[in-house]
Amino acid sequence: MPTVKELGDSRLKLFADARSIIDTAEKAGRAMSAPESERYDKIMAAADVLHAQMKDIHGTQRRKEKL
């Protein structure tokens, strides 16, 4: 099972990838294309999943501390 740090690092990488898509479109002076928008949405959904996993791990750790 990955650690919170590993999940956080993966999430940061996803955010960098998403930012790159936005930057590419902005540098070209246009909105994101349909494929770019789809890729961006998939990246952000994956980041949301990682965030949920991080919250689960934190919750489990807190419960263990209370026992």
C-alpha atoms as a PDB file:
ATOM      1  CA  MET A   1       0.000   0.000   0.000  1.00  0.00           C
ATOM      2  CA  PRO A   2       1.422   3.395  -0.925  1.00  0.00           C
ATOM      3  CA  THR A   3       2.194   5.933   1.753  1.00  0.00           C
ATOM      4  CA  VAL A   4       0.514   9.315   2.059  1.00  0.00           C
ATOM      5  CA  LYS A   5       3.751  10.897   0.840  1.00  0.00           C
ATOM      6  CA  GLU A   6       3.867   8.671  -2.229  1.00  0.00           C
ATOM      7  CA  LEU A   7       0.235   9.437  -3.003  1.00  0.00           C
ATOM      8  CA  GLY A   8       0.895  13.137  -2.504  1.00  0.00           C
ATOM      9  CA  ASP A   9       3.906  13.015  -4.804  1.00  0.00           C
ATOM     10  CA  SER A  10       1.836  11.258  -7.466  1.00  0.00           C
ATOM     11  CA  ARG A  11      -0.906  13.842  -7.059  1.00  0.00           C
ATOM     12  CA  LEU A  12       1.580  16.695  -7.485  1.00  0.00           C
ATOM     13  CA  LYS A  13       2.834  15.067 -10.699  1.00  0.00           C
ATOM     14  CA  LEU A  14      -0.728  14.916 -11.982  1.00  0.00           C
ATOM     15  CA  PHE A  15      -1.227  18.603 -11.192  1.00  0.00           C
ATOM     16  CA  ALA A  16       1.968  19.423 -13.086  1.00  0.00           C
ATOM     17  CA  ASP A  17       0.720  17.414 -16.070  1.00  0.00           C
ATOM     18  CA  ALA A  18      -2.617  19.249 -15.957  1.00  0.00           C
ATOM     19  CA  ARG A  19      -0.854  22.604 -15.722  1.00  0.00           C
ATOM     20  CA  SER A  20       1.236  21.670 -18.756  1.00  0.00           C
ATOM     21  CA  ILE A  21      -1.909  21.101 -20.807  1.00  0.00           C
ATOM     22  CA  ILE A  22      -3.258  24.507 -19.809  1.00  0.00           C
ATOM     23  CA  ASP A  23       0.090  26.195 -20.494  1.00  0.00           C
ATOM     24  CA  THR A  24       0.317  24.642 -23.961  1.00  0.00           C
ATOM     25  CA  ALA A  25      -3.102  25.979 -24.917  1.00  0.00           C
ATOM     26  CA  GLU A  26      -2.403  29.405 -23.404  1.00  0.00           C
ATOM     27  CA  LYS A  27       0.933  29.709 -25.208  1.00  0.00           C
ATOM     28  CA  ALA A  28      -0.861  28.947 -28.457  1.00  0.00           C
ATOM     29  CA  GLY A  29      -3.432  31.646 -27.612  1.00  0.00           C
ATOM     30  CA  ARG A  30      -6.378  29.282 -27.657  1.00  0.00           C
ATOM     31  CA  ALA A  31      -8.686  27.286 -25.467  1.00  0.00           C
ATOM     32  CA  MET A  32      -7.897  23.661 -24.777  1.00  0.00           C
ATOM     33  CA  SER A  33      -8.802  21.358 -27.645  1.00  0.00           C
ATOM     34  CA  ALA A  34     -11.303  18.561 -27.079  1.00  0.00           C
ATOM     35  CA  PRO A  35      -8.564  15.928 -26.646  1.00  0.00           C
ATOM     36  CA  GLU A  36      -6.657  18.237 -24.272  1.00  0.00           C
ATOM     37  CA  SER A  37      -9.793  18.914 -22.270  1.00  0.00           C
ATOM     38  CA  GLU A  38     -10.553  15.200 -22.059  1.00  0.00           C
ATOM     39  CA  ARG A  39      -7.001  14.432 -20.919  1.00  0.00           C
ATOM     40  CA  TYR A  40      -7.159  17.277 -18.377  1.00  0.00           C
ATOM     41  CA  ASP A  41     -10.437  15.928 -16.978  1.00  0.00           C
ATOM     42  CA  LYS A  42      -8.984  12.419 -16.663  1.00  0.00           C
ATOM     43  CA  ILE A  43      -5.900  13.746 -14.889  1.00  0.00           C
ATOM     44  CA  MET A  44      -7.986  15.754 -12.431  1.00  0.00           C
ATOM     45  CA  ALA A  45     -10.238  12.746 -11.770  1.00  0.00           C
ATOM     46  CA  ALA A  46      -7.150  10.661 -11.009  1.00  0.00           C
ATOM     47  CA  ALA A  47      -5.926  13.399  -8.646  1.00  0.00           C
ATOM     48  CA  ASP A  48      -9.300  13.288  -6.877  1.00  0.00           C
ATOM     49  CA  VAL A  49      -8.961   9.521  -6.409  1.00  0.00           C
ATOM     50  CA  LEU A  50      -5.496   9.960  -4.897  1.00  0.00           C
ATOM     51  CA  HIS A  51      -6.843  12.647  -2.564  1.00  0.00           C
ATOM     52  CA  ALA A  52      -9.586  10.303  -1.383  1.00  0.00           C
ATOM     53  CA  GLN A  53      -6.998   7.588  -0.735  1.00  0.00           C
ATOM     54  CA  MET A  54      -4.893  10.036   1.250  1.00  0.00           C
ATOM     55  CA  LYS A  55      -7.902  10.995   3.366  1.00  0.00           C
ATOM     56  CA  ASP A  56      -8.668   7.321   4.004  1.00  0.00           C
ATOM     57  CA  ILE A  57      -5.132   6.670   5.194  1.00  0.00           C
ATOM     58  CA  HIS A  58      -5.209   9.718   7.473  1.00  0.00           C
ATOM     59  CA  GLY A  59      -8.527   8.572   8.904  1.00  0.00           C
ATOM     60  CA  THR A  60      -7.205   5.081   9.545  1.00  0.00           C
ATOM     61  CA  GLN A  61      -4.104   6.500  11.223  1.00  0.00           C
ATOM     62  CA  ARG A  62      -6.226   8.711  13.503  1.00  0.00           C
ATOM     63  CA  ARG A  63      -8.443   5.797  14.490  1.00  0.00           C
ATOM     64  CA  LYS A  64      -5.385   3.680  15.332  1.00  0.00           C
ATOM     65  CA  GLU A  65      -3.985   6.491  17.470  1.00  0.00           C
ATOM     66  CA  LYS A  66      -7.218   6.630  19.485  1.00  0.00           C
ATOM     67  CA  LEU A  67      -7.144   2.913  20.278  1.00  0.00           C
END
